[in-house]
Amino acid sequence: MRSGAGLLVLSLAFGATAGADVVVLEPVKDNTLFSTTVTSNGAGDAVFSGRTGPPGFNTIQRAVLAFDVAGAVPAGSTIISAELTLTLIQVSPQ
């Protein structure tokens, strides 16, 4: 997992009378999918998302993140909210 790629924060309810708890998860794996090829990049030090390249080329890149929710959320819990935090490290010049 790459540092700073993303965090998922889950609010959980553990029953009708119990209070809520918070679980913070980091991705267990990530990848970047490219629209112009059949390849992807899971070995780099960041994930990419958006349009890149010169006008008319416009490669679309999609970031994919996987979280092990089953390993962190106790059986019988109800997820009442989720929040995804990403860090932008670069904006392509226009």
Protein backbone atom coordinates (compact mmCIF):
# COMPACT_ATOMS: atom_id res chain seq x y z
CA MET A 1 0.00 0.00 0.00
CA ARG A 2 1.29 3.43 -0.90
CA SER A 3 1.50 6.02 1.83
CA GLY A 4 -1.21 8.65 1.55
CA ALA A 5 -3.14 6.87 -1.21
CA GLY A 6 -6.36 6.99 0.77
CA LEU A 7 -8.10 6.35 4.05
CA LEU A 8 -11.59 4.99 4.59
CA VAL A 9 -13.36 5.94 7.81
CA LEU A 10 -16.39 3.86 8.78
CA SER A 11 -18.91 4.63 11.51
CA LEU A 12 -20.41 1.43 12.89
CA ALA A 13 -23.45 0.68 15.00
CA PHE A 14 -23.21 -2.40 17.24
CA GLY A 15 -26.85 -2.91 18.15
CA ALA A 16 -29.91 -0.90 19.14
CA THR A 17 -28.65 0.18 22.57
CA ALA A 18 -24.90 0.18 21.96
CA GLY A 19 -23.00 3.27 20.89
CA ALA A 20 -21.25 3.77 17.60
CA ASP A 21 -17.58 3.05 17.01
CA VAL A 22 -15.19 4.34 14.31
CA VAL A 23 -12.84 2.19 12.22
CA VAL A 24 -10.09 3.75 10.07
CA LEU A 25 -8.84 1.60 7.18
CA GLU A 26 -5.99 2.05 4.71
CA PRO A 27 -6.22 0.37 1.30
CA VAL A 28 -4.83 -3.17 1.17
CA LYS A 29 -4.15 -2.76 -2.55
CA ASP A 30 -4.50 -0.13 -5.24
CA ASN A 31 -4.10 0.27 -8.99
CA THR A 32 -4.39 2.76 -11.85
CA LEU A 33 -6.33 1.72 -14.96
CA PHE A 34 -5.55 3.42 -18.30
CA SER A 35 -8.22 3.90 -20.99
CA THR A 36 -5.83 3.78 -23.95
CA THR A 37 -4.20 0.44 -23.18
CA VAL A 38 -5.03 -2.90 -21.64
CA THR A 39 -2.41 -2.32 -18.95
CA SER A 40 -2.54 -0.99 -15.44
CA ASN A 41 0.00 0.22 -12.90
CA GLY A 42 -0.10 -1.28 -9.44
CA ALA A 43 3.64 -0.98 -8.83
CA GLY A 44 4.06 2.81 -8.80
CA ASP A 45 4.27 5.04 -5.75
CA ALA A 46 0.89 6.75 -6.34
CA VAL A 47 -2.48 6.20 -8.00
CA PHE A 48 -3.74 8.47 -10.76
CA SER A 49 -7.17 9.68 -11.77
CA GLY A 50 -8.43 12.05 -14.44
CA ARG A 51 -7.60 13.07 -18.02
CA THR A 52 -4.02 13.48 -19.18
CA GLY A 53 -2.15 14.03 -22.40
CA PRO A 54 -2.27 16.55 -25.23
CA PRO A 55 -5.61 17.71 -26.72
CA GLY A 56 -7.17 14.94 -28.78
CA PHE A 57 -5.27 12.21 -26.93
CA ASN A 58 -7.00 12.48 -23.54
CA THR A 59 -6.00 9.35 -21.68
CA ILE A 60 -8.51 8.64 -18.93
CA GLN A 61 -6.94 7.20 -15.80
CA ARG A 62 -8.98 5.61 -13.03
CA ALA A 63 -7.74 4.95 -9.51
CA VAL A 64 -8.96 1.74 -7.87
CA LEU A 65 -8.60 1.14 -4.11
CA ALA A 66 -9.46 -2.05 -2.18
CA PHE A 67 -10.23 -2.07 1.55
CA ASP A 68 -10.48 -5.15 3.80
CA VAL A 69 -13.77 -4.18 5.44
CA ALA A 70 -14.59 -7.78 6.39
CA GLY A 71 -11.40 -8.05 8.42
CA ALA A 72 -12.09 -4.83 10.36
CA VAL A 73 -15.86 -4.77 10.88
CA PRO A 74 -17.21 -7.20 13.50
CA ALA A 75 -19.96 -9.60 12.40
CA GLY A 76 -23.44 -8.21 13.06
CA SER A 77 -22.32 -4.58 12.79
CA THR A 78 -24.13 -2.04 10.66
CA ILE A 79 -22.12 0.56 8.76
CA ILE A 80 -23.99 3.83 9.26
CA SER A 81 -21.60 6.08 7.33
CA ALA A 82 -18.37 6.02 5.36
CA GLU A 83 -15.89 8.74 4.46
CA LEU A 84 -13.05 8.49 1.93
CA THR A 85 -10.10 10.88 2.24
CA LEU A 86 -7.63 11.27 -0.65
CA THR A 87 -4.57 13.48 -0.92
CA LEU A 88 -3.98 15.41 -4.15
CA ILE A 89 -0.27 15.57 -4.86
CA GLN A 90 -0.18 16.98 -8.40
CA VAL A 91 -2.41 18.76 -10.88
CA SER A 92 -1.55 18.52 -14.57
CA PRO A 93 -0.93 21.87 -16.31
CA GLN A 94 -3.65 22.94 -18.74
